[in-house]
Amino acid sequence: MNAYEWIKLMHILSATILFGTGLGIAYFMLRGHLSGNHEAMAVVVRSVVVADWVFTTPAVVVQLLTGLWLTTQLGISHESVWFFSVIFLFSFVGVCWVPVVWIQIRIRRIIADGGDRDDYRRLFSIWMFLGILAFTGVLLIFLLMVSKAGIDRPFFV
C-alpha cells in the first residue's frame, strides 16, 4: 500500500473509533443512569472518562490531520462548500464534545462524593443534549464524505 492508502485507512479507522467509542459511551452512560444503581454508575462514568482520553482524543487528532492531508492530496479546494461544511461540522462536534468531557468529569466527582442529585440530573440532561447534537454532526460529516456534495462549488462566489 502507498502513503495515500495508509493515511486513508488511518482516517477511516479513526472515524470508526470516534463513532464507535461515542456510541458505546452514550449507551453505557444511559444504561448506568437508567439503572439507578449508584455503584454501577460510578464504575461506568470512571470508565467513560478514561475511554474519552484514551480513544476519543487521539482519534480526533488523527481525524483532523489525516483529513487535511487527504483533501490536499486529492486537490480538494479549501475554499469549497464541501470543505467549509466539513470543517464547520467537525468544529461544531468538537464544541459539543469538550463540555461533554468536562460534564463526565463533574458527574464522576458528584457520584464519588455522594453529591447533589439535582446537579447530577441537570448535568446528565445537558450531556445527553450535547451528545445528540454531536452525533447528528458526525452523521452529517459521514453524509458529506459519501456524497461529496458541494465539493466543486466555491464557498465564496
C-alpha atoms as a PDB file:
ATOM      1  CA  MET A   1       0.000   0.000   0.000  1.00  0.00           C
ATOM      2  CA  ASN A   2       1.174   3.506  -0.752  1.00  0.00           C
ATOM      3  CA  ALA A   3       1.169   6.507   1.638  1.00  0.00           C
ATOM      4  CA  TYR A   4      -2.232   7.732   0.429  1.00  0.00           C
ATOM      5  CA  GLU A   5      -3.851   4.346   1.123  1.00  0.00           C
ATOM      6  CA  TRP A   6      -2.273   4.134   4.603  1.00  0.00           C
ATOM      7  CA  ILE A   7      -3.412   7.647   5.512  1.00  0.00           C
ATOM      8  CA  LYS A   8      -6.905   6.949   4.157  1.00  0.00           C
ATOM      9  CA  LEU A   9      -7.031   3.724   6.197  1.00  0.00           C
ATOM     10  CA  MET A  10      -5.986   5.651   9.336  1.00  0.00           C
ATOM     11  CA  HIS A  11      -8.688   8.233   8.568  1.00  0.00           C
ATOM     12  CA  ILE A  12     -11.366   5.544   8.237  1.00  0.00           C
ATOM     13  CA  LEU A  13     -10.192   3.701  11.356  1.00  0.00           C
ATOM     14  CA  SER A  14     -10.127   6.882  13.436  1.00  0.00           C
ATOM     15  CA  ALA A  15     -13.655   7.747  12.225  1.00  0.00           C
ATOM     16  CA  THR A  16     -14.732   4.261  13.256  1.00  0.00           C
ATOM     17  CA  ILE A  17     -13.126   4.675  16.678  1.00  0.00           C
ATOM     18  CA  LEU A  18     -14.758   8.083  17.163  1.00  0.00           C
ATOM     19  CA  PHE A  19     -18.216   6.902  16.208  1.00  0.00           C
ATOM     20  CA  GLY A  20     -17.979   3.531  17.938  1.00  0.00           C
ATOM     21  CA  THR A  21     -16.490   4.861  21.154  1.00  0.00           C
ATOM     22  CA  GLY A  22     -19.007   7.694  21.219  1.00  0.00           C
ATOM     23  CA  LEU A  23     -21.896   5.306  20.693  1.00  0.00           C
ATOM     24  CA  GLY A  24     -20.555   2.903  23.316  1.00  0.00           C
ATOM     25  CA  ILE A  25     -20.014   5.689  25.835  1.00  0.00           C
ATOM     26  CA  ALA A  26     -23.536   7.007  25.241  1.00  0.00           C
ATOM     27  CA  TYR A  27     -25.034   3.538  25.614  1.00  0.00           C
ATOM     28  CA  PHE A  28     -23.247   2.686  28.856  1.00  0.00           C
ATOM     29  CA  MET A  29     -23.777   6.127  30.394  1.00  0.00           C
ATOM     30  CA  LEU A  30     -27.501   5.895  29.629  1.00  0.00           C
ATOM     31  CA  ARG A  31     -27.729   2.296  30.924  1.00  0.00           C
ATOM     32  CA  GLY A  32     -25.889   3.252  34.103  1.00  0.00           C
ATOM     33  CA  HIS A  33     -28.127   6.270  34.584  1.00  0.00           C
ATOM     34  CA  LEU A  34     -31.330   4.324  33.995  1.00  0.00           C
ATOM     35  CA  SER A  35     -30.243   1.560  36.393  1.00  0.00           C
ATOM     36  CA  GLY A  36     -30.484   3.957  39.308  1.00  0.00           C
ATOM     37  CA  ASN A  37     -27.611   1.967  40.825  1.00  0.00           C
ATOM     38  CA  HIS A  38     -25.071   4.338  42.372  1.00  0.00           C
ATOM     39  CA  GLU A  39     -22.225   1.784  42.272  1.00  0.00           C
ATOM     40  CA  ALA A  40     -22.902   0.859  38.636  1.00  0.00           C
ATOM     41  CA  MET A  41     -22.941   4.500  37.583  1.00  0.00           C
ATOM     42  CA  ALA A  42     -19.691   5.157  39.474  1.00  0.00           C
ATOM     43  CA  VAL A  43     -17.945   2.351  37.564  1.00  0.00           C
ATOM     44  CA  VAL A  44     -19.424   3.414  34.228  1.00  0.00           C
ATOM     45  CA  VAL A  45     -18.558   7.089  34.495  1.00  0.00           C
ATOM     46  CA  ARG A  46     -14.974   6.338  35.600  1.00  0.00           C
ATOM     47  CA  SER A  47     -14.562   4.096  32.540  1.00  0.00           C
ATOM     48  CA  VAL A  48     -16.192   6.637  30.240  1.00  0.00           C
ATOM     49  CA  VAL A  49     -13.778   9.391  31.280  1.00  0.00           C
ATOM     50  CA  VAL A  50     -10.806   7.101  30.635  1.00  0.00           C
ATOM     51  CA  ALA A  51     -12.230   5.937  27.280  1.00  0.00           C
ATOM     52  CA  ASP A  52     -12.619   9.517  26.100  1.00  0.00           C
ATOM     53  CA  TRP A  53      -8.992  10.309  26.895  1.00  0.00           C
ATOM     54  CA  VAL A  54      -7.556   7.038  25.589  1.00  0.00           C
ATOM     55  CA  PHE A  55      -9.656   6.566  22.434  1.00  0.00           C
ATOM     56  CA  THR A  56     -11.600   9.689  21.507  1.00  0.00           C
ATOM     57  CA  THR A  57      -8.930  12.354  21.986  1.00  0.00           C
ATOM     58  CA  PRO A  58      -6.251  10.675  19.835  1.00  0.00           C
ATOM     59  CA  ALA A  59      -8.858   9.770  17.196  1.00  0.00           C
ATOM     60  CA  VAL A  60      -9.932  13.428  16.954  1.00  0.00           C
ATOM     61  CA  VAL A  61      -6.329  14.492  16.329  1.00  0.00           C
ATOM     62  CA  VAL A  62      -5.829  11.730  13.736  1.00  0.00           C
ATOM     63  CA  GLN A  63      -9.109  12.688  12.014  1.00  0.00           C
ATOM     64  CA  LEU A  64      -8.095  16.317  11.664  1.00  0.00           C
ATOM     65  CA  LEU A  65      -4.549  15.655  10.462  1.00  0.00           C
ATOM     66  CA  THR A  66      -5.412  12.837   8.051  1.00  0.00           C
ATOM     67  CA  GLY A  67      -8.468  14.703   6.758  1.00  0.00           C
ATOM     68  CA  LEU A  68      -6.448  17.808   5.937  1.00  0.00           C
ATOM     69  CA  TRP A  69      -3.713  15.700   4.326  1.00  0.00           C
ATOM     70  CA  LEU A  70      -6.234  13.750   2.231  1.00  0.00           C
ATOM     71  CA  THR A  71      -8.026  16.874   0.996  1.00  0.00           C
ATOM     72  CA  THR A  72      -4.695  18.333  -0.071  1.00  0.00           C
ATOM     73  CA  GLN A  73      -3.630  15.117  -1.818  1.00  0.00           C
ATOM     74  CA  LEU A  74      -6.983  14.891  -3.611  1.00  0.00           C
ATOM     75  CA  GLY A  75      -6.768  18.517  -4.737  1.00  0.00           C
ATOM     76  CA  ILE A  76      -9.992  19.457  -2.932  1.00  0.00           C
ATOM     77  CA  SER A  77     -10.229  23.201  -2.654  1.00  0.00           C
ATOM     78  CA  HIS A  78     -10.113  24.518   0.882  1.00  0.00           C
ATOM     79  CA  GLU A  79     -12.487  27.193  -0.408  1.00  0.00           C
ATOM     80  CA  SER A  80     -15.204  24.736  -1.494  1.00  0.00           C
ATOM     81  CA  VAL A  81     -18.650  24.497   0.076  1.00  0.00           C
ATOM     82  CA  TRP A  82     -17.829  20.887   0.931  1.00  0.00           C
ATOM     83  CA  PHE A  83     -14.611  21.755   2.791  1.00  0.00           C
ATOM     84  CA  PHE A  84     -16.223  24.614   4.741  1.00  0.00           C
ATOM     85  CA  SER A  85     -19.152  22.356   5.633  1.00  0.00           C
ATOM     86  CA  VAL A  86     -16.882  19.561   6.863  1.00  0.00           C
ATOM     87  CA  ILE A  87     -14.672  21.922   8.891  1.00  0.00           C
ATOM     88  CA  PHE A  88     -17.737  23.663  10.348  1.00  0.00           C
ATOM     89  CA  LEU A  89     -19.320  20.357  11.375  1.00  0.00           C
ATOM     90  CA  PHE A  90     -16.017  18.993  12.742  1.00  0.00           C
ATOM     91  CA  SER A  91     -15.637  22.170  14.829  1.00  0.00           C
ATOM     92  CA  PHE A  92     -19.294  22.020  15.909  1.00  0.00           C
ATOM     93  CA  VAL A  93     -18.862  18.426  17.089  1.00  0.00           C
ATOM     94  CA  GLY A  94     -15.728  19.491  18.983  1.00  0.00           C
ATOM     95  CA  VAL A  95     -17.575  22.381  20.622  1.00  0.00           C
ATOM     96  CA  CYS A  96     -20.161  19.842  21.822  1.00  0.00           C
ATOM     97  CA  TRP A  97     -17.576  17.249  22.868  1.00  0.00           C
ATOM     98  CA  VAL A  98     -15.339  19.433  25.067  1.00  0.00           C
ATOM     99  CA  PRO A  99     -18.145  20.290  27.535  1.00  0.00           C
ATOM    100  CA  VAL A 100     -19.305  16.653  27.409  1.00  0.00           C
ATOM    101  CA  VAL A 101     -15.897  15.529  28.705  1.00  0.00           C
ATOM    102  CA  TRP A 102     -15.979  18.224  31.399  1.00  0.00           C
ATOM    103  CA  ILE A 103     -19.525  17.124  32.367  1.00  0.00           C
ATOM    104  CA  GLN A 104     -18.410  13.479  32.595  1.00  0.00           C
ATOM    105  CA  ILE A 105     -15.618  14.505  34.955  1.00  0.00           C
ATOM    106  CA  ARG A 106     -18.097  16.561  37.044  1.00  0.00           C
ATOM    107  CA  ILE A 107     -20.559  13.654  37.141  1.00  0.00           C
ATOM    108  CA  ARG A 108     -17.754  11.307  38.203  1.00  0.00           C
ATOM    109  CA  ARG A 109     -16.913  13.684  41.059  1.00  0.00           C
ATOM    110  CA  ILE A 110     -20.570  14.115  42.103  1.00  0.00           C
ATOM    111  CA  ILE A 111     -21.070  10.349  42.248  1.00  0.00           C
ATOM    112  CA  ALA A 112     -17.780   9.703  44.064  1.00  0.00           C
ATOM    113  CA  ASP A 113     -18.569  12.388  46.663  1.00  0.00           C
ATOM    114  CA  GLY A 114     -22.226  11.393  47.046  1.00  0.00           C
ATOM    115  CA  GLY A 115     -23.099  14.874  45.792  1.00  0.00           C
ATOM    116  CA  ASP A 116     -26.250  16.700  44.829  1.00  0.00           C
ATOM    117  CA  ARG A 117     -28.704  14.548  42.810  1.00  0.00           C
ATOM    118  CA  ASP A 118     -30.299  17.631  41.222  1.00  0.00           C
ATOM    119  CA  ASP A 119     -26.910  18.840  39.979  1.00  0.00           C
ATOM    120  CA  TYR A 120     -26.248  15.334  38.620  1.00  0.00           C
ATOM    121  CA  ARG A 121     -29.619  15.213  36.792  1.00  0.00           C
ATOM    122  CA  ARG A 122     -29.093  18.691  35.306  1.00  0.00           C
ATOM    123  CA  LEU A 123     -25.609  17.801  34.079  1.00  0.00           C
ATOM    124  CA  PHE A 124     -26.767  14.470  32.691  1.00  0.00           C
ATOM    125  CA  SER A 125     -29.537  16.222  30.722  1.00  0.00           C
ATOM    126  CA  ILE A 126     -27.032  18.676  29.243  1.00  0.00           C
ATOM    127  CA  TRP A 127     -24.691  15.762  28.485  1.00  0.00           C
ATOM    128  CA  MET A 128     -27.470  13.969  26.576  1.00  0.00           C
ATOM    129  CA  PHE A 129     -28.440  17.108  24.636  1.00  0.00           C
ATOM    130  CA  LEU A 130     -24.855  17.839  23.584  1.00  0.00           C
ATOM    131  CA  GLY A 131     -24.310  14.176  22.708  1.00  0.00           C
ATOM    132  CA  ILE A 132     -27.335  14.161  20.411  1.00  0.00           C
ATOM    133  CA  LEU A 133     -26.099  17.341  18.706  1.00  0.00           C
ATOM    134  CA  ALA A 134     -22.588  15.899  18.297  1.00  0.00           C
ATOM    135  CA  PHE A 135     -23.844  12.588  16.864  1.00  0.00           C
ATOM    136  CA  THR A 136     -26.033  14.485  14.412  1.00  0.00           C
ATOM    137  CA  GLY A 137     -22.952  16.446  13.338  1.00  0.00           C
ATOM    138  CA  VAL A 138     -20.925  13.259  12.864  1.00  0.00           C
ATOM    139  CA  LEU A 139     -23.683  11.690  10.767  1.00  0.00           C
ATOM    140  CA  LEU A 140     -23.775  14.811   8.593  1.00  0.00           C
ATOM    141  CA  ILE A 141     -20.000  14.592   8.144  1.00  0.00           C
ATOM    142  CA  PHE A 142     -20.380  10.950   7.068  1.00  0.00           C
ATOM    143  CA  LEU A 143     -23.064  12.063   4.592  1.00  0.00           C
ATOM    144  CA  LEU A 144     -20.702  14.676   3.146  1.00  0.00           C
ATOM    145  CA  MET A 145     -17.865  12.148   2.932  1.00  0.00           C
ATOM    146  CA  VAL A 146     -20.034   9.808   0.890  1.00  0.00           C
ATOM    147  CA  SER A 147     -21.964  12.329  -1.230  1.00  0.00           C
ATOM    148  CA  LYS A 148     -19.181  14.877  -1.782  1.00  0.00           C
ATOM    149  CA  ALA A 149     -21.985  17.481  -2.058  1.00  0.00           C
ATOM    150  CA  GLY A 150     -20.542  20.917  -2.784  1.00  0.00           C
ATOM    151  CA  ILE A 151     -17.031  19.668  -3.462  1.00  0.00           C
ATOM    152  CA  ASP A 152     -16.798  21.569  -6.762  1.00  0.00           C
ATOM    153  CA  ARG A 153     -18.609  24.732  -5.645  1.00  0.00           C
ATOM    154  CA  PRO A 154     -16.636  27.612  -4.156  1.00  0.00           C
ATOM    155  CA  PHE A 155     -17.894  28.847  -0.777  1.00  0.00           C
ATOM    156  CA  PHE A 156     -17.186  32.456  -1.675  1.00  0.00           C
ATOM    157  CA  VAL A 157     -18.585  33.459  -5.032  1.00  0.00           C
END
